[in-house]
Amino acid sequence: MSRAGRSRSRRAGSPPAGGLLRWFLSLPARLHLRWLVIIVVAAAVMGAYARVLVTAGTMPPGKAPTAPAAAGEHSGAGTPKPTRTGQDHTRR
């Protein structure tokens, strides 16, 4: 009986030197389930975020965030002019 064979079987039964938490966290890798665990965790996080978005209340109009105005932004050059609903833009 070789010495390496004895230590292997002995080592398999004892908990690793890193502790129980490290052994438990390495379990998916040892069972070749890494991608399954990654997909399940990602789906749980996306589901929790979707639930927050769906159940969130609407923002009141008075509390809506506004962008800070730049110095030349109020000149009106980039603002489109209002048009009437039935106006034809091809004839002048």
PDB file of N, CA and C in Angstrom:
ATOM      1  N   MET A   1       0.844  -1.172   0.000  1.00  0.00           N
ATOM      2  CA  MET A   1       0.000   0.000   0.000  1.00  0.00           C
ATOM      3  C   MET A   1       0.892   1.239   0.000  1.00  0.00           C
ATOM      4  N   SER A   2       0.622   2.124  -0.929  1.00  0.00           N
ATOM      5  CA  SER A   2       1.474   3.305  -1.032  1.00  0.00           C
ATOM      6  C   SER A   2       1.004   4.388  -0.060  1.00  0.00           C
ATOM      7  N   ARG A   3       1.901   5.259   0.255  1.00  0.00           N
ATOM      8  CA  ARG A   3       1.611   6.336   1.179  1.00  0.00           C
ATOM      9  C   ARG A   3       0.669   7.375   0.561  1.00  0.00           C
ATOM     10  N   ALA A   4       0.799   7.647  -0.731  1.00  0.00           N
ATOM     11  CA  ALA A   4      -0.051   8.636  -1.407  1.00  0.00           C
ATOM     12  C   ALA A   4      -1.500   8.188  -1.427  1.00  0.00           C
ATOM     13  N   GLY A   5      -1.735   6.901  -1.579  1.00  0.00           N
ATOM     14  CA  GLY A   5      -3.090   6.367  -1.580  1.00  0.00           C
ATOM     15  C   GLY A   5      -3.774   6.531  -0.232  1.00  0.00           C
ATOM     16  N   ARG A   6      -3.016   6.358   0.837  1.00  0.00           N
ATOM     17  CA  ARG A   6      -3.586   6.504   2.177  1.00  0.00           C
ATOM     18  C   ARG A   6      -3.943   7.956   2.459  1.00  0.00           C
ATOM     19  N   SER A   7      -3.080   8.879   2.071  1.00  0.00           N
ATOM     20  CA  SER A   7      -3.346  10.284   2.384  1.00  0.00           C
ATOM     21  C   SER A   7      -4.513  10.824   1.551  1.00  0.00           C
ATOM     22  N   ARG A   8      -4.670  10.275   0.352  1.00  0.00           N
ATOM     23  CA  ARG A   8      -5.783  10.733  -0.491  1.00  0.00           C
ATOM     24  C   ARG A   8      -7.124  10.353   0.140  1.00  0.00           C
ATOM     25  N   SER A   9      -7.252   9.103   0.535  1.00  0.00           N
ATOM     26  CA  SER A   9      -8.519   8.674   1.126  1.00  0.00           C
ATOM     27  C   SER A   9      -8.736   9.352   2.473  1.00  0.00           C
ATOM     28  N   ARG A  10      -7.695   9.552   3.197  1.00  0.00           N
ATOM     29  CA  ARG A  10      -7.787  10.221   4.482  1.00  0.00           C
ATOM     30  C   ARG A  10      -8.169  11.686   4.297  1.00  0.00           C
ATOM     31  N   ARG A  11      -7.609  12.305   3.272  1.00  0.00           N
ATOM     32  CA  ARG A  11      -7.849  13.713   3.004  1.00  0.00           C
ATOM     33  C   ARG A  11      -9.281  13.958   2.523  1.00  0.00           C
ATOM     34  N   ALA A  12      -9.850  13.015   1.791  1.00  0.00           N
ATOM     35  CA  ALA A  12     -11.195  13.176   1.260  1.00  0.00           C
ATOM     36  C   ALA A  12     -12.234  13.199   2.381  1.00  0.00           C
ATOM     37  N   GLY A  13     -11.999  12.461   3.467  1.00  0.00           N
ATOM     38  CA  GLY A  13     -12.961  12.412   4.545  1.00  0.00           C
ATOM     39  C   GLY A  13     -12.870  13.593   5.494  1.00  0.00           C
ATOM     40  N   SER A  14     -11.729  14.219   5.594  1.00  0.00           N
ATOM     41  CA  SER A  14     -11.565  15.313   6.543  1.00  0.00           C
ATOM     42  C   SER A  14     -11.906  16.656   5.894  1.00  0.00           C
ATOM     43  N   PRO A  15     -12.388  17.606   6.686  1.00  0.00           N
ATOM     44  CA  PRO A  15     -12.681  18.926   6.129  1.00  0.00           C
ATOM     45  C   PRO A  15     -11.393  19.624   5.702  1.00  0.00           C
ATOM     46  N   PRO A  16     -11.462  20.471   4.704  1.00  0.00           N
ATOM     47  CA  PRO A  16     -10.250  21.130   4.208  1.00  0.00           C
ATOM     48  C   PRO A  16      -9.681  22.111   5.236  1.00  0.00           C
ATOM     49  N   ALA A  17      -8.449  22.502   5.002  1.00  0.00           N
ATOM     50  CA  ALA A  17      -7.758  23.398   5.929  1.00  0.00           C
ATOM     51  C   ALA A  17      -8.399  24.790   5.950  1.00  0.00           C
ATOM     52  N   GLY A  18      -9.082  25.172   4.897  1.00  0.00           N
ATOM     53  CA  GLY A  18      -9.685  26.496   4.821  1.00  0.00           C
ATOM     54  C   GLY A  18     -10.942  26.647   5.658  1.00  0.00           C
ATOM     55  N   GLY A  19     -11.525  25.559   6.091  1.00  0.00           N
ATOM     56  CA  GLY A  19     -12.717  25.610   6.920  1.00  0.00           C
ATOM     57  C   GLY A  19     -13.956  25.167   6.167  1.00  0.00           C
ATOM     58  N   LEU A  20     -15.045  25.117   6.896  1.00  0.00           N
ATOM     59  CA  LEU A  20     -16.296  24.622   6.353  1.00  0.00           C
ATOM     60  C   LEU A  20     -16.884  25.577   5.313  1.00  0.00           C
ATOM     61  N   LEU A  21     -16.749  26.881   5.539  1.00  0.00           N
ATOM     62  CA  LEU A  21     -17.280  27.861   4.594  1.00  0.00           C
ATOM     63  C   LEU A  21     -16.588  27.755   3.242  1.00  0.00           C
ATOM     64  N   ARG A  22     -15.272  27.650   3.250  1.00  0.00           N
ATOM     65  CA  ARG A  22     -14.529  27.520   1.996  1.00  0.00           C
ATOM     66  C   ARG A  22     -14.894  26.221   1.285  1.00  0.00           C
ATOM     67  N   TRP A  23     -15.069  25.149   2.047  1.00  0.00           N
ATOM     68  CA  TRP A  23     -15.465  23.869   1.457  1.00  0.00           C
ATOM     69  C   TRP A  23     -16.849  23.970   0.831  1.00  0.00           C
ATOM     70  N   PHE A  24     -17.787  24.640   1.530  1.00  0.00           N
ATOM     71  CA  PHE A  24     -19.145  24.785   1.014  1.00  0.00           C
ATOM     72  C   PHE A  24     -19.182  25.665  -0.233  1.00  0.00           C
ATOM     73  N   LEU A  25     -18.387  26.745  -0.239  1.00  0.00           N
ATOM     74  CA  LEU A  25     -18.369  27.638  -1.398  1.00  0.00           C
ATOM     75  C   LEU A  25     -17.709  26.999  -2.611  1.00  0.00           C
ATOM     76  N   SER A  26     -16.826  26.048  -2.404  1.00  0.00           N
ATOM     77  CA  SER A  26     -16.176  25.376  -3.533  1.00  0.00           C
ATOM     78  C   SER A  26     -16.976  24.182  -4.035  1.00  0.00           C
ATOM     79  N   LEU A  27     -18.072  23.865  -3.374  1.00  0.00           N
ATOM     80  CA  LEU A  27     -18.880  22.713  -3.771  1.00  0.00           C
ATOM     81  C   LEU A  27     -19.384  22.789  -5.213  1.00  0.00           C
ATOM     82  N   PRO A  28     -19.940  23.922  -5.704  1.00  0.00           N
ATOM     83  CA  PRO A  28     -20.376  23.970  -7.110  1.00  0.00           C
ATOM     84  C   PRO A  28     -19.235  23.720  -8.093  1.00  0.00           C
ATOM     85  N   ALA A  29     -18.043  24.200  -7.785  1.00  0.00           N
ATOM     86  CA  ALA A  29     -16.906  23.978  -8.682  1.00  0.00           C
ATOM     87  C   ALA A  29     -16.508  22.506  -8.692  1.00  0.00           C
ATOM     88  N   ARG A  30     -16.542  21.879  -7.529  1.00  0.00           N
ATOM     89  CA  ARG A  30     -16.179  20.464  -7.472  1.00  0.00           C
ATOM     90  C   ARG A  30     -17.221  19.581  -8.134  1.00  0.00           C
ATOM     91  N   LEU A  31     -18.467  20.032  -8.170  1.00  0.00           N
ATOM     92  CA  LEU A  31     -19.525  19.260  -8.826  1.00  0.00           C
ATOM     93  C   LEU A  31     -19.730  19.682 -10.282  1.00  0.00           C
ATOM     94  N   HIS A  32     -18.887  20.572 -10.767  1.00  0.00           N
ATOM     95  CA  HIS A  32     -18.952  21.077 -12.140  1.00  0.00           C
ATOM     96  C   HIS A  32     -20.278  21.777 -12.428  1.00  0.00           C
ATOM     97  N   LEU A  33     -20.735  22.602 -11.500  1.00  0.00           N
ATOM     98  CA  LEU A  33     -21.992  23.334 -11.654  1.00  0.00           C
ATOM     99  C   LEU A  33     -21.783  24.843 -11.588  1.00  0.00           C
ATOM    100  N   ARG A  34     -20.609  25.322 -11.938  1.00  0.00           N
ATOM    101  CA  ARG A  34     -20.325  26.753 -11.821  1.00  0.00           C
ATOM    102  C   ARG A  34     -21.302  27.609 -12.599  1.00  0.00           C
ATOM    103  N   TRP A  35     -21.508  27.294 -13.870  1.00  0.00           N
ATOM    104  CA  TRP A  35     -22.371  28.136 -14.708  1.00  0.00           C
ATOM    105  C   TRP A  35     -23.820  28.088 -14.252  1.00  0.00           C
ATOM    106  N   LEU A  36     -24.255  26.957 -13.763  1.00  0.00           N
ATOM    107  CA  LEU A  36     -25.609  26.859 -13.235  1.00  0.00           C
ATOM    108  C   LEU A  36     -25.792  27.773 -12.030  1.00  0.00           C
ATOM    109  N   VAL A  37     -24.823  27.788 -11.142  1.00  0.00           N
ATOM    110  CA  VAL A  37     -24.898  28.645  -9.959  1.00  0.00           C
ATOM    111  C   VAL A  37     -24.856  30.115 -10.366  1.00  0.00           C
ATOM    112  N   ILE A  38     -23.998  30.464 -11.309  1.00  0.00           N
ATOM    113  CA  ILE A  38     -23.905  31.846 -11.778  1.00  0.00           C
ATOM    114  C   ILE A  38     -25.233  32.295 -12.382  1.00  0.00           C
ATOM    115  N   ILE A  39     -25.842  31.449 -13.193  1.00  0.00           N
ATOM    116  CA  ILE A  39     -27.113  31.796 -13.839  1.00  0.00           C
ATOM    117  C   ILE A  39     -28.231  31.929 -12.802  1.00  0.00           C
ATOM    118  N   VAL A  40     -28.261  31.048 -11.829  1.00  0.00           N
ATOM    119  CA  VAL A  40     -29.303  31.119 -10.797  1.00  0.00           C
ATOM    120  C   VAL A  40     -29.154  32.385  -9.959  1.00  0.00           C
ATOM    121  N   VAL A  41     -27.942  32.722  -9.580  1.00  0.00           N
ATOM    122  CA  VAL A  41     -27.719  33.938  -8.784  1.00  0.00           C
ATOM    123  C   VAL A  41     -28.060  35.175  -9.606  1.00  0.00           C
ATOM    124  N   ALA A  42     -27.645  35.224 -10.866  1.00  0.00           N
ATOM    125  CA  ALA A  42     -27.954  36.377 -11.719  1.00  0.00           C
ATOM    126  C   ALA A  42     -29.460  36.523 -11.923  1.00  0.00           C
ATOM    127  N   ALA A  43     -30.165  35.414 -12.106  1.00  0.00           N
ATOM    128  CA  ALA A  43     -31.616  35.472 -12.274  1.00  0.00           C
ATOM    129  C   ALA A  43     -32.295  35.966 -11.000  1.00  0.00           C
ATOM    130  N   ALA A  44     -31.803  35.562  -9.848  1.00  0.00           N
ATOM    131  CA  ALA A  44     -32.375  36.027  -8.580  1.00  0.00           C
ATOM    132  C   ALA A  44     -32.172  37.520  -8.399  1.00  0.00           C
ATOM    133  N   VAL A  45     -30.996  38.011  -8.751  1.00  0.00           N
ATOM    134  CA  VAL A  45     -30.718  39.447  -8.631  1.00  0.00           C
ATOM    135  C   VAL A  45     -31.584  40.234  -9.609  1.00  0.00           C
ATOM    136  N   MET A  46     -31.699  39.772 -10.847  1.00  0.00           N
ATOM    137  CA  MET A  46     -32.535  40.480 -11.827  1.00  0.00           C
ATOM    138  C   MET A  46     -34.007  40.455 -11.421  1.00  0.00           C
ATOM    139  N   GLY A  47     -34.459  39.344 -10.848  1.00  0.00           N
ATOM    140  CA  GLY A  47     -35.834  39.262 -10.377  1.00  0.00           C
ATOM    141  C   GLY A  47     -36.105  40.224  -9.240  1.00  0.00           C
ATOM    142  N   ALA A  48     -35.167  40.335  -8.315  1.00  0.00           N
ATOM    143  CA  ALA A  48     -35.335  41.273  -7.195  1.00  0.00           C
ATOM    144  C   ALA A  48     -35.362  42.714  -7.703  1.00  0.00           C
ATOM    145  N   TYR A  49     -34.490  43.036  -8.654  1.00  0.00           N
ATOM    146  CA  TYR A  49     -34.461  44.395  -9.213  1.00  0.00           C
ATOM    147  C   TYR A  49     -35.741  44.686  -9.993  1.00  0.00           C
ATOM    148  N   ALA A  50     -36.237  43.715 -10.735  1.00  0.00           N
ATOM    149  CA  ALA A  50     -37.481  43.909 -11.483  1.00  0.00           C
ATOM    150  C   ALA A  50     -38.651  44.131 -10.530  1.00  0.00           C
ATOM    151  N   ARG A  51     -38.660  43.417  -9.422  1.00  0.00           N
ATOM    152  CA  ARG A  51     -39.724  43.607  -8.436  1.00  0.00           C
ATOM    153  C   ARG A  51     -39.683  45.017  -7.856  1.00  0.00           C
ATOM    154  N   VAL A  52     -38.490  45.523  -7.590  1.00  0.00           N
ATOM    155  CA  VAL A  52     -38.359  46.893  -7.080  1.00  0.00           C
ATOM    156  C   VAL A  52     -38.880  47.886  -8.113  1.00  0.00           C
ATOM    157  N   LEU A  53     -38.532  47.684  -9.378  1.00  0.00           N
ATOM    158  CA  LEU A  53     -38.984  48.610 -10.416  1.00  0.00           C
ATOM    159  C   LEU A  53     -40.489  48.561 -10.612  1.00  0.00           C
ATOM    160  N   VAL A  54     -41.077  47.376 -10.547  1.00  0.00           N
ATOM    161  CA  VAL A  54     -42.512  47.232 -10.773  1.00  0.00           C
ATOM    162  C   VAL A  54     -43.312  47.798  -9.606  1.00  0.00           C
ATOM    163  N   THR A  55     -42.846  47.596  -8.395  1.00  0.00           N
ATOM    164  CA  THR A  55     -43.603  48.019  -7.224  1.00  0.00           C
ATOM    165  C   THR A  55     -43.301  49.445  -6.788  1.00  0.00           C
ATOM    166  N   ALA A  56     -42.351  50.106  -7.428  1.00  0.00           N
ATOM    167  CA  ALA A  56     -42.000  51.480  -7.042  1.00  0.00           C
ATOM    168  C   ALA A  56     -43.124  52.432  -7.436  1.00  0.00           C
ATOM    169  N   GLY A  57     -43.358  53.415  -6.590  1.00  0.00           N
ATOM    170  CA  GLY A  57     -44.357  54.426  -6.885  1.00  0.00           C
ATOM    171  C   GLY A  57     -43.839  55.418  -7.910  1.00  0.00           C
ATOM    172  N   THR A  58     -44.751  56.187  -8.464  1.00  0.00           N
ATOM    173  CA  THR A  58     -44.338  57.180  -9.447  1.00  0.00           C
ATOM    174  C   THR A  58     -43.748  58.389  -8.742  1.00  0.00           C
ATOM    175  N   MET A  59     -42.900  59.103  -9.439  1.00  0.00           N
ATOM    176  CA  MET A  59     -42.289  60.293  -8.877  1.00  0.00           C
ATOM    177  C   MET A  59     -43.233  61.475  -9.070  1.00  0.00           C
ATOM    178  N   PRO A  60     -43.513  62.246  -8.023  1.00  0.00           N
ATOM    179  CA  PRO A  60     -44.377  63.400  -8.188  1.00  0.00           C
ATOM    180  C   PRO A  60     -43.733  64.438  -9.110  1.00  0.00           C
ATOM    181  N   PRO A  61     -44.530  65.148  -9.910  1.00  0.00           N
ATOM    182  CA  PRO A  61     -43.947  66.102 -10.855  1.00  0.00           C
ATOM    183  C   PRO A  61     -43.102  67.180 -10.190  1.00  0.00           C
ATOM    184  N   GLY A  62     -43.446  67.581  -8.990  1.00  0.00           N
ATOM    185  CA  GLY A  62     -42.670  68.620  -8.306  1.00  0.00           C
ATOM    186  C   GLY A  62     -41.315  68.150  -7.842  1.00  0.00           C
ATOM    187  N   LYS A  63     -41.084  66.861  -7.759  1.00  0.00           N
ATOM    188  CA  LYS A  63     -39.818  66.300  -7.273  1.00  0.00           C
ATOM    189  C   LYS A  63     -38.942  65.756  -8.393  1.00  0.00           C
ATOM    190  N   ALA A  64     -39.360  65.920  -9.643  1.00  0.00           N
ATOM    191  CA  ALA A  64     -38.608  65.368 -10.767  1.00  0.00           C
ATOM    192  C   ALA A  64     -37.237  66.035 -10.858  1.00  0.00           C
ATOM    193  N   PRO A  65     -36.189  65.261 -11.131  1.00  0.00           N
ATOM    194  CA  PRO A  65     -34.848  65.845 -11.241  1.00  0.00           C
ATOM    195  C   PRO A  65     -34.732  66.703 -12.500  1.00  0.00           C
ATOM    196  N   THR A  66     -34.016  67.774 -12.392  1.00  0.00           N
ATOM    197  CA  THR A  66     -33.793  68.651 -13.542  1.00  0.00           C
ATOM    198  C   THR A  66     -32.302  68.720 -13.824  1.00  0.00           C
ATOM    199  N   ALA A  67     -31.978  68.881 -15.093  1.00  0.00           N
ATOM    200  CA  ALA A  67     -30.581  69.012 -15.489  1.00  0.00           C
ATOM    201  C   ALA A  67     -30.153  70.460 -15.262  1.00  0.00           C
ATOM    202  N   PRO A  68     -28.932  70.667 -14.802  1.00  0.00           N
ATOM    203  CA  PRO A  68     -28.469  72.043 -14.613  1.00  0.00           C
ATOM    204  C   PRO A  68     -28.357  72.759 -15.959  1.00  0.00           C
ATOM    205  N   ALA A  69     -28.786  74.004 -16.000  1.00  0.00           N
ATOM    206  CA  ALA A  69     -28.781  74.775 -17.245  1.00  0.00           C
ATOM    207  C   ALA A  69     -27.380  75.285 -17.540  1.00  0.00           C
ATOM    208  N   ALA A  70     -26.971  75.153 -18.806  1.00  0.00           N
ATOM    209  CA  ALA A  70     -25.684  75.701 -19.248  1.00  0.00           C
ATOM    210  C   ALA A  70     -25.861  77.178 -19.581  1.00  0.00           C
ATOM    211  N   ALA A  71     -24.778  77.898 -19.793  1.00  0.00           N
ATOM    212  CA  ALA A  71     -24.837  79.351 -20.005  1.00  0.00           C
ATOM    213  C   ALA A  71     -25.612  79.718 -21.269  1.00  0.00           C
ATOM    214  N   GLY A  72     -25.372  79.054 -22.388  1.00  0.00           N
ATOM    215  CA  GLY A  72     -26.020  79.427 -23.647  1.00  0.00           C
ATOM    216  C   GLY A  72     -27.233  78.591 -23.979  1.00  0.00           C
ATOM    217  N   GLU A  73     -27.768  77.904 -23.026  1.00  0.00           N
ATOM    218  CA  GLU A  73     -28.854  76.981 -23.294  1.00  0.00           C
ATOM    219  C   GLU A  73     -30.209  77.672 -23.434  1.00  0.00           C
ATOM    220  N   HIS A  74     -30.376  78.840 -22.891  1.00  0.00           N
ATOM    221  CA  HIS A  74     -31.669  79.515 -22.899  1.00  0.00           C
ATOM    222  C   HIS A  74     -31.857  80.449 -24.095  1.00  0.00           C
ATOM    223  N   SER A  75     -31.015  80.326 -25.101  1.00  0.00           N
ATOM    224  CA  SER A  75     -31.143  81.200 -26.263  1.00  0.00           C
ATOM    225  C   SER A  75     -32.309  80.795 -27.166  1.00  0.00           C
ATOM    226  N   GLY A  76     -32.780  79.574 -27.053  1.00  0.00           N
ATOM    227  CA  GLY A  76     -33.912  79.123 -27.835  1.00  0.00           C
ATOM    228  C   GLY A  76     -33.527  78.579 -29.198  1.00  0.00           C
ATOM    229  N   ALA A  77     -32.241  78.495 -29.497  1.00  0.00           N
ATOM    230  CA  ALA A  77     -31.800  78.023 -30.808  1.00  0.00           C
ATOM    231  C   ALA A  77     -32.111  76.541 -31.002  1.00  0.00           C
ATOM    232  N   GLY A  78     -32.009  75.735 -29.955  1.00  0.00           N
ATOM    233  CA  GLY A  78     -32.237  74.309 -30.094  1.00  0.00           C
ATOM    234  C   GLY A  78     -33.663  73.901 -29.777  1.00  0.00           C
ATOM    235  N   THR A  79     -34.523  74.828 -29.412  1.00  0.00           N
ATOM    236  CA  THR A  79     -35.896  74.505 -29.036  1.00  0.00           C
ATOM    237  C   THR A  79     -36.784  74.446 -30.265  1.00  0.00           C
ATOM    238  N   PRO A  80     -37.494  73.352 -30.491  1.00  0.00           N
ATOM    239  CA  PRO A  80     -38.389  73.280 -31.650  1.00  0.00           C
ATOM    240  C   PRO A  80     -39.618  74.162 -31.424  1.00  0.00           C
ATOM    241  N   LYS A  81     -40.121  74.741 -32.513  1.00  0.00           N
ATOM    242  CA  LYS A  81     -41.301  75.599 -32.423  1.00  0.00           C
ATOM    243  C   LYS A  81     -42.550  74.735 -32.499  1.00  0.00           C
ATOM    244  N   PRO A  82     -43.567  75.055 -31.715  1.00  0.00           N
ATOM    245  CA  PRO A  82     -44.798  74.263 -31.760  1.00  0.00           C
ATOM    246  C   PRO A  82     -45.515  74.441 -33.092  1.00  0.00           C
ATOM    247  N   THR A  83     -46.109  73.372 -33.565  1.00  0.00           N
ATOM    248  CA  THR A  83     -46.847  73.408 -34.829  1.00  0.00           C
ATOM    249  C   THR A  83     -48.285  73.014 -34.589  1.00  0.00           C
ATOM    250  N   ARG A  84     -49.152  73.431 -35.490  1.00  0.00           N
ATOM    251  CA  ARG A  84     -50.548  73.006 -35.395  1.00  0.00           C
ATOM    252  C   ARG A  84     -50.684  71.589 -35.920  1.00  0.00           C
ATOM    253  N   THR A  85     -51.717  70.902 -35.498  1.00  0.00           N
ATOM    254  CA  THR A  85     -51.898  69.496 -35.854  1.00  0.00           C
ATOM    255  C   THR A  85     -52.083  69.280 -37.339  1.00  0.00           C
ATOM    256  N   GLY A  86     -52.884  70.097 -38.014  1.00  0.00           N
ATOM    257  CA  GLY A  86     -53.176  69.863 -39.420  1.00  0.00           C
ATOM    258  C   GLY A  86     -52.303  70.671 -40.371  1.00  0.00           C
ATOM    259  N   GLN A  87     -51.233  71.252 -39.933  1.00  0.00           N
ATOM    260  CA  GLN A  87     -50.409  72.119 -40.779  1.00  0.00           C
ATOM    261  C   GLN A  87     -49.574  71.298 -41.745  1.00  0.00           C
ATOM    262  N   ASP A  88     -49.533  71.740 -43.006  1.00  0.00           N
ATOM    263  CA  ASP A  88     -48.754  71.071 -44.051  1.00  0.00           C
ATOM    264  C   ASP A  88     -47.385  71.734 -44.110  1.00  0.00           C
ATOM    265  N   HIS A  89     -46.333  70.967 -43.924  1.00  0.00           N
ATOM    266  CA  HIS A  89     -44.987  71.530 -43.877  1.00  0.00           C
ATOM    267  C   HIS A  89     -44.350  71.641 -45.262  1.00  0.00           C
ATOM    268  N   THR A  90     -44.969  71.112 -46.300  1.00  0.00           N
ATOM    269  CA  THR A  90     -44.345  71.136 -47.612  1.00  0.00           C
ATOM    270  C   THR A  90     -44.638  72.446 -48.342  1.00  0.00           C
ATOM    271  N   ARG A  91     -45.748  73.102 -48.108  1.00  0.00           N
ATOM    272  CA  ARG A  91     -46.072  74.366 -48.769  1.00  0.00           C
ATOM    273  C   ARG A  91     -45.739  75.534 -47.876  1.00  0.00           C
ATOM    274  N   ARG A  92     -45.289  76.638 -48.485  1.00  0.00           N
ATOM    275  CA  ARG A  92     -45.017  77.856 -47.720  1.00  0.00           C
ATOM    276  C   ARG A  92     -45.689  79.009 -48.381  1.00  0.00           C
TER     277      ARG A  92
END
